[in-house]
């Protein structure tokens, strides 16, 4: 069957991944109400077309965070992409680089950033940081990141607590992985994934693990680290951000900002950009949607960081809706993973190509030459 849109890739990923792993990527938290609200908020946005503009060559070129880039897209950080495909992070980085799209490496990736850089030498790599309680080890990690020609640091600020994902508690697909008769049977029903992602790489390198953790504390995903100092710090403050800003020479982006007051404070603290994000509905089920928060932030008087948006993007028109609400760029989280699961690196690239074509088509219908020309319709 031809894969023609993001939902097609999602359906293919569902067939090819063990159910527990697919649910980990696809689902939300608690009652999972945010997933429906995010989608409904995007579906309720209408874009205003302009007519009789003559020949309308469309350019997706967009300037954000100090560079002109060929598209307004960024690949969001996602934990454990290396569990979707062998060398999954490198493959996503290479797929993104075909289109000049930045790829954000997660602190909780399977591959360390050094391996990703070697495997994708032409990619623009950003790095997403979860701050460990051990700040000295966090600083060591940041030195490794800087040595890999990574200029943009994305600090996630919306994960103070572990989210309550009851489906993963039931199916055992968490960290640590908890084997049960049901999930073992599920894994055995996906022999290609088992061989390509677990067994064959395991014979070469051992079981998948968090690649950025210090070697002495790195364990396979069958168990979690017992080192308290390597747990995520739940008590970050603006003073911590200031110290990070003083020590990082590149650009800093805060991911997970939903309040206008926090956006203004971030700019005052020297932050270059913020991601207006609900973490894709994966962390807390009672948040405002990105589509609700973004215009409130963009409409503030005073200096703001550059705005990036994410959560719920399924179509190229969704990207344009977030841009019309005030974002300069839009992050993709789940969708590239579906492409990777459906067709490896080529599948991820094919999905991105489809989304970019949808953006081009939508802009043509709207009479917009550039993303900055877009306007929301309130009629």
Protein backbone atom coordinates (compact mmCIF):
# COMPACT_ATOMS: atom_id res chain seq x y z
CA UNK A 1 0.00 0.00 0.00
CA UNK A 2 1.28 3.46 -0.90
CA UNK A 3 2.13 5.72 2.03
CA UNK A 4 0.66 9.09 1.09
CA UNK A 5 0.37 11.00 4.37
CA UNK A 6 1.46 10.98 7.98
CA UNK A 7 -1.43 8.79 9.09
CA UNK A 8 -0.39 6.16 6.53
CA UNK A 9 3.11 6.10 8.03
CA UNK A 10 1.60 5.89 11.52
CA UNK A 11 -0.44 2.85 10.50
CA UNK A 12 2.65 1.21 9.00
CA UNK A 13 4.63 1.92 12.18
CA UNK A 14 1.87 0.34 14.24
CA UNK A 15 2.18 -2.85 12.22
CA UNK A 16 5.97 -3.00 12.36
CA UNK A 17 6.66 -2.13 16.01
CA UNK A 18 5.78 -4.11 19.13
CA UNK A 19 2.56 -2.73 20.56
CA UNK A 20 4.16 -1.50 23.76
CA UNK A 21 6.83 0.47 21.91
CA UNK A 22 4.30 1.94 19.50
CA UNK A 23 2.11 3.01 22.43
CA UNK A 24 5.12 4.62 24.12
CA UNK A 25 5.58 6.82 21.05
CA UNK A 26 1.96 7.37 20.13
CA UNK A 27 -0.03 7.80 23.30
CA UNK A 28 -0.34 10.43 26.02
CA UNK A 29 -0.70 10.38 29.79
CA UNK A 30 -3.42 9.77 32.38
CA UNK A 31 -6.82 10.07 30.59
CA UNK A 32 -5.05 11.12 27.37
CA UNK A 33 -7.47 14.03 26.90
CA UNK A 34 -4.69 16.35 25.74
CA UNK A 35 -4.18 14.33 22.57
CA UNK A 36 -7.73 15.03 21.42
CA UNK A 37 -7.61 18.67 22.54
CA UNK A 38 -4.35 19.31 20.67
CA UNK A 39 -5.85 17.87 17.50
CA UNK A 40 -9.18 19.70 17.93
CA UNK A 41 -7.41 23.02 18.49
CA UNK A 42 -5.42 22.62 15.28
CA UNK A 43 -8.48 21.49 13.34
CA UNK A 44 -10.35 24.60 14.47
CA UNK A 45 -7.83 27.03 12.96
CA UNK A 46 -8.60 28.45 9.53
CA UNK A 47 -6.13 30.26 7.30
CA UNK A 48 -6.99 33.35 5.24
CA UNK A 49 -6.29 33.04 1.48
CA UNK A 50 -5.43 35.98 -0.77
CA UNK A 51 -6.30 35.90 -4.48
CA UNK A 52 -5.19 37.27 -7.85
CA UNK A 53 -1.56 37.53 -6.84
CA UNK A 54 -0.29 36.62 -10.28
CA UNK A 55 2.42 34.03 -10.55
CA UNK A 56 3.19 33.01 -7.00
CA UNK A 57 6.50 31.15 -6.64
CA UNK A 58 6.58 29.64 -3.17
CA UNK A 59 9.69 29.71 -1.00
CA UNK A 60 9.81 27.94 2.34
CA UNK A 61 13.08 29.65 3.28
CA UNK A 62 12.88 30.89 6.85
CA UNK A 63 15.28 32.76 9.12
CA UNK A 64 15.40 31.67 12.75
CA UNK A 65 18.07 31.41 15.43
CA UNK A 66 20.67 33.26 13.41
CA UNK A 67 20.47 31.32 10.14
CA UNK A 68 18.45 31.26 6.97
CA UNK A 69 17.20 27.72 6.47
CA UNK A 70 15.42 26.17 3.48
CA UNK A 71 12.36 25.16 5.54
CA UNK A 72 10.65 26.19 8.79
CA UNK A 73 10.93 22.65 10.20
CA UNK A 74 13.00 21.20 13.05
CA UNK A 75 13.12 17.57 14.16
CA UNK A 76 12.21 17.56 17.85
CA UNK A 77 14.16 15.54 20.43
CA UNK A 78 12.66 12.11 21.03
CA UNK A 79 14.02 9.59 23.49
CA UNK A 80 15.04 6.15 22.28
CA UNK A 81 14.75 6.64 18.52
CA UNK A 82 17.40 3.94 18.41
CA UNK A 83 14.74 1.51 19.61
CA UNK A 84 12.62 2.24 16.53
CA UNK A 85 15.44 1.37 14.12
CA UNK A 86 19.07 0.37 14.49
CA UNK A 87 21.10 3.60 14.59
CA UNK A 88 17.78 5.40 14.54
CA UNK A 89 19.12 8.76 15.64
CA UNK A 90 21.78 8.83 12.94
CA UNK A 91 19.23 7.83 10.31
CA UNK A 92 16.85 10.60 11.37
CA UNK A 93 19.69 13.12 11.31
CA UNK A 94 20.66 12.06 7.79
CA UNK A 95 17.05 12.15 6.59
CA UNK A 96 16.62 15.66 8.00
CA UNK A 97 19.89 16.89 6.49
CA UNK A 98 18.64 16.04 3.00
CA UNK A 99 16.26 18.98 3.36
CA UNK A 100 18.40 21.28 5.50
CA UNK A 101 16.27 20.55 8.58
CA UNK A 102 17.98 20.66 12.00
CA UNK A 103 17.88 17.45 14.03
CA UNK A 104 17.71 17.66 17.82
CA UNK A 105 19.62 14.94 19.66
CA UNK A 106 18.03 13.87 22.95
CA UNK A 107 19.89 13.42 26.22
CA UNK A 108 18.09 10.07 26.34
CA UNK A 109 19.04 8.89 22.86
CA UNK A 110 20.44 5.41 22.32
CA UNK A 111 23.35 6.69 20.22
CA UNK A 112 25.74 9.24 21.71
CA UNK A 113 26.15 12.50 19.87
CA UNK A 114 29.69 11.57 18.78
CA UNK A 115 28.35 8.58 16.83
CA UNK A 116 25.54 10.65 15.34
CA UNK A 117 28.00 13.31 14.20
CA UNK A 118 30.24 10.71 12.56
CA UNK A 119 27.29 9.09 10.86
CA UNK A 120 25.70 12.36 9.73
CA UNK A 121 28.61 14.76 9.17
CA UNK A 122 26.55 17.27 7.18
CA UNK A 123 23.59 17.46 9.56
CA UNK A 124 22.80 20.53 11.63
CA UNK A 125 22.65 19.04 15.11
CA UNK A 126 20.94 20.64 18.07
CA UNK A 127 21.12 19.05 21.52
CA UNK A 128 18.29 18.68 24.01
CA UNK A 129 19.41 18.76 27.63
CA UNK A 130 17.87 17.16 30.68
CA UNK A 131 19.90 18.47 33.60
CA UNK A 132 21.18 15.72 35.88
CA UNK A 133 21.40 16.23 39.61
CA UNK A 134 25.17 15.83 39.24
CA UNK A 135 26.01 19.18 37.66
CA UNK A 136 29.65 18.24 37.09
CA UNK A 137 28.60 15.32 34.90
CA UNK A 138 26.09 17.57 33.16
CA UNK A 139 28.94 19.98 32.39
CA UNK A 140 31.03 17.10 31.02
CA UNK A 141 28.16 16.15 28.73
CA UNK A 142 27.89 19.71 27.45
CA UNK A 143 31.59 19.76 26.63
CA UNK A 144 31.08 16.63 24.53
CA UNK A 145 28.17 18.31 22.77
CA UNK A 146 30.18 21.44 21.98
CA UNK A 147 33.01 19.34 20.55
CA UNK A 148 30.54 17.84 18.06
CA UNK A 149 29.89 21.19 16.38
CA UNK A 150 26.52 21.67 18.04
CA UNK A 151 25.65 25.35 18.43
CA UNK A 152 22.07 25.20 19.71
CA UNK A 153 21.17 23.83 23.14
CA UNK A 154 17.53 23.00 23.88
CA UNK A 155 16.77 22.90 27.60
CA UNK A 156 13.58 20.97 28.37
CA UNK A 157 11.76 22.66 31.26
CA UNK A 158 8.42 20.81 31.37
CA UNK A 159 9.49 17.43 32.78
CA UNK A 160 9.89 18.07 36.49
CA UNK A 161 8.28 14.72 37.35
CA UNK A 162 7.99 11.36 35.63
CA UNK A 163 4.67 11.32 33.75
CA UNK A 164 2.02 8.78 34.66
CA UNK A 165 1.65 6.55 31.60
CA UNK A 166 -0.54 3.77 32.88
CA UNK A 167 -0.50 1.81 29.64
CA UNK A 168 3.29 1.42 29.90
CA UNK A 169 2.93 0.33 33.51
CA UNK A 170 0.51 -2.35 32.34
CA UNK A 171 2.41 -3.51 29.26
CA UNK A 172 5.90 -3.38 30.78
CA UNK A 173 7.36 -1.16 28.04
CA UNK A 174 9.11 1.35 30.23
CA UNK A 175 12.58 1.90 31.60
CA UNK A 176 13.38 -0.51 33.02
CA UNK A 177 11.65 -2.90 30.63
CA UNK A 178 9.57 -5.40 32.61
CA UNK A 179 9.13 -8.68 30.72
CA UNK A 180 5.71 -10.32 30.86
CA UNK A 181 4.27 -13.24 28.88
CA UNK A 182 2.16 -10.79 26.88
CA UNK A 183 4.93 -8.38 25.86
CA UNK A 184 7.37 -11.21 25.13
CA UNK A 185 4.76 -12.75 22.81
CA UNK A 186 4.25 -9.33 21.23
CA UNK A 187 7.98 -8.96 20.59
CA UNK A 188 8.21 -12.44 19.09
CA UNK A 189 5.40 -11.50 16.71
CA UNK A 190 7.69 -8.79 15.30
CA UNK A 191 10.77 -10.83 14.30
CA UNK A 192 12.17 -8.28 11.86
CA UNK A 193 12.20 -5.56 14.52
CA UNK A 194 13.63 -8.00 17.08
CA UNK A 195 16.50 -9.00 14.79
CA UNK A 196 17.29 -5.60 13.28
CA UNK A 197 17.01 -3.47 16.43
CA UNK A 198 17.80 -5.76 19.36
CA UNK A 199 19.58 -8.99 18.43
CA UNK A 200 21.90 -8.01 15.57
CA UNK A 201 23.11 -4.74 17.20
CA UNK A 202 23.23 -6.55 20.54
CA UNK A 203 25.68 -9.08 19.16
CA UNK A 204 27.97 -6.21 18.13
CA UNK A 205 27.56 -3.68 20.92
CA UNK A 206 25.40 -5.16 23.68
CA UNK A 207 21.87 -4.23 24.63
CA UNK A 208 20.60 -0.72 23.75
CA UNK A 209 21.18 1.83 26.48
CA UNK A 210 21.22 5.56 27.07
CA UNK A 211 24.26 6.55 25.04
CA UNK A 212 25.00 9.81 26.85
CA UNK A 213 25.21 8.38 30.33
CA UNK A 214 28.71 7.87 31.76
CA UNK A 215 29.98 4.37 30.88
CA UNK A 216 30.19 3.26 34.49
CA UNK A 217 26.48 3.99 34.97
CA UNK A 218 25.25 2.99 31.53
CA UNK A 219 22.99 -0.03 31.64
CA UNK A 220 20.80 -1.76 29.12
CA UNK A 221 17.20 -0.66 28.94
CA UNK A 222 16.25 -3.84 30.78
CA UNK A 223 17.30 -1.94 33.92
CA UNK A 224 17.46 1.68 35.00
CA UNK A 225 20.45 3.42 36.48
CA UNK A 226 20.57 3.31 40.25
CA UNK A 227 22.77 6.40 40.40
CA UNK A 228 20.75 9.09 42.13
CA UNK A 229 23.06 11.80 40.78
CA UNK A 230 22.12 10.86 37.20
CA UNK A 231 18.41 11.30 37.71
CA UNK A 232 16.79 14.37 36.19
CA UNK A 233 16.90 17.38 38.48
CA UNK A 234 13.30 18.35 39.36
CA UNK A 235 14.27 21.60 41.06
CA UNK A 236 15.67 23.80 38.27
CA UNK A 237 15.42 27.56 38.77
CA UNK A 238 16.01 30.72 36.77
CA UNK A 239 19.37 30.92 38.51
CA UNK A 240 20.28 27.54 37.03
CA UNK A 241 19.29 28.84 33.61
CA UNK A 242 21.49 31.88 34.13
CA UNK A 243 24.46 29.69 35.00
CA UNK A 244 23.82 27.58 31.92
CA UNK A 245 23.59 30.71 29.78
CA UNK A 246 26.91 31.96 31.15
CA UNK A 247 28.63 28.66 30.38
CA UNK A 248 27.22 27.91 26.91
CA UNK A 249 28.67 29.84 23.99
CA UNK A 250 25.96 28.99 21.49
CA UNK A 251 22.24 29.63 21.37
CA UNK A 252 19.85 28.44 24.05
CA UNK A 253 16.24 27.42 23.50
CA UNK A 254 13.77 26.58 26.28
CA UNK A 255 11.36 23.78 25.39
CA UNK A 256 8.00 23.55 27.11
CA UNK A 257 6.99 27.19 27.65
CA UNK A 258 3.24 27.91 27.78
CA UNK A 259 3.00 31.12 29.85
CA UNK A 260 3.62 34.57 28.39
CA UNK A 261 5.27 35.70 31.63
CA UNK A 262 7.81 32.89 31.37
CA UNK A 263 8.51 33.78 27.74
CA UNK A 264 9.28 37.39 28.68
CA UNK A 265 11.45 36.30 31.60
CA UNK A 266 13.32 33.88 29.34
CA UNK A 267 14.27 36.67 26.98
CA UNK A 268 15.44 38.82 29.88
CA UNK A 269 17.69 35.93 30.95
CA UNK A 270 19.35 35.78 27.53
CA UNK A 271 17.39 32.89 26.00
CA UNK A 272 17.39 32.98 22.20
CA UNK A 273 14.29 30.91 21.49
CA UNK A 274 11.46 29.04 23.15
CA UNK A 275 9.43 26.04 22.04
CA UNK A 276 5.77 26.57 22.85
CA UNK A 277 4.93 22.96 23.53
CA UNK A 278 2.77 20.55 25.49
CA UNK A 279 5.34 17.77 25.06
CA UNK A 280 2.92 16.30 22.56
CA UNK A 281 0.40 15.61 25.33
CA UNK A 282 2.82 13.07 26.82
CA UNK A 283 3.57 14.64 30.20
CA UNK A 284 0.55 16.33 31.84
CA UNK A 285 -3.04 15.98 30.73
CA UNK A 286 -4.44 19.35 31.88
CA UNK A 287 -2.36 21.85 29.90
CA UNK A 288 -3.51 24.52 27.46
CA UNK A 289 -2.83 23.49 23.89
CA UNK A 290 -0.01 25.00 21.89
CA UNK A 291 -2.60 26.61 19.60
CA UNK A 292 -4.11 28.36 22.64
CA UNK A 293 -0.85 29.44 24.27
CA UNK A 294 1.07 30.51 21.16
CA UNK A 295 -1.00 33.60 20.19
CA UNK A 296 -1.07 34.78 23.80
CA UNK A 297 2.72 34.66 23.90
CA UNK A 298 3.23 36.10 20.42
CA UNK A 299 0.91 39.01 21.23
CA UNK A 300 2.95 40.22 24.18
CA UNK A 301 4.50 43.65 24.11
CA UNK A 302 8.19 43.68 24.79
CA UNK A 303 11.14 41.61 23.70
CA UNK A 304 10.42 37.94 23.19
CA UNK A 305 12.65 35.02 22.29
CA UNK A 306 12.11 33.59 18.82
CA UNK A 307 9.09 31.30 18.85
CA UNK A 308 9.05 27.66 17.78
CA UNK A 309 5.94 25.50 18.16
CA UNK A 310 5.23 21.80 18.38
CA UNK A 311 2.61 19.21 19.30
CA UNK A 312 0.14 17.36 17.11
CA UNK A 313 1.46 18.11 13.61
CA UNK A 314 0.03 15.66 11.07
CA UNK A 315 -0.22 17.78 7.90
CA UNK A 316 1.71 20.52 6.17
CA UNK A 317 -1.24 22.80 6.84
CA UNK A 318 -0.73 22.22 10.59
CA UNK A 319 2.76 23.69 10.23
CA UNK A 320 1.30 26.76 8.54
CA UNK A 321 -1.33 27.15 11.25
CA UNK A 322 1.32 27.39 13.95
CA UNK A 323 3.26 29.89 11.83
CA UNK A 324 0.12 31.99 11.34
CA UNK A 325 -0.29 32.04 15.14
CA UNK A 326 3.18 33.51 15.58
CA UNK A 327 5.80 30.76 15.33
CA UNK A 328 8.87 31.14 13.13
CA UNK A 329 9.49 27.40 13.00
CA UNK A 330 7.71 24.16 13.88
CA UNK A 331 9.08 20.98 15.44
CA UNK A 332 8.09 17.46 14.42
CA UNK A 333 8.24 14.74 17.07
CA UNK A 334 6.20 11.60 16.51
CA UNK A 335 5.89 11.90 12.72
CA UNK A 336 9.59 11.31 11.87
CA UNK A 337 9.57 8.27 14.17
CA UNK A 338 6.62 6.85 12.25
CA UNK A 339 8.56 7.37 9.02
CA UNK A 340 11.61 5.69 10.53
CA UNK A 341 9.57 2.72 11.73
CA UNK A 342 7.76 2.37 8.41
CA UNK A 343 10.78 2.55 6.13
CA UNK A 344 14.05 3.20 7.96
CA UNK A 345 16.02 6.29 6.86
CA UNK A 346 14.27 6.35 3.49
CA UNK A 347 10.89 6.23 5.20
CA UNK A 348 11.75 9.20 7.41
CA UNK A 349 12.95 11.16 4.37
CA UNK A 350 9.82 10.23 2.41
CA UNK A 351 7.58 11.46 5.21
CA UNK A 352 9.45 14.78 5.39
CA UNK A 353 9.19 15.16 1.63
CA UNK A 354 5.43 14.62 1.80
CA UNK A 355 5.02 17.22 4.55
CA UNK A 356 7.11 19.76 2.64
CA UNK A 357 5.03 19.16 -0.49
CA UNK A 358 1.86 19.68 1.54
CA UNK A 359 3.25 22.96 2.87
CA UNK A 360 4.03 24.10 -0.68
CA UNK A 361 0.55 23.16 -1.89
CA UNK A 362 -1.17 24.87 1.02
CA UNK A 363 0.82 28.06 0.52
CA UNK A 364 -0.13 28.06 -3.16
CA UNK A 365 -3.82 27.90 -2.29
CA UNK A 366 -3.35 30.66 0.28
CA UNK A 367 -1.56 32.95 -2.18
CA UNK A 368 1.45 33.14 0.15
CA UNK A 369 4.95 33.39 -1.26
CA UNK A 370 6.69 32.99 2.09
CA UNK A 371 5.66 31.56 5.46
CA UNK A 372 5.73 35.08 6.90
CA UNK A 373 2.86 36.06 4.55
CA UNK A 374 0.39 33.77 6.30
CA UNK A 375 -2.62 35.11 8.15
CA UNK A 376 -5.21 33.46 10.35
CA UNK A 377 -8.87 33.73 9.36
CA UNK A 378 -11.10 34.72 12.28
CA UNK A 379 -14.21 34.95 10.13
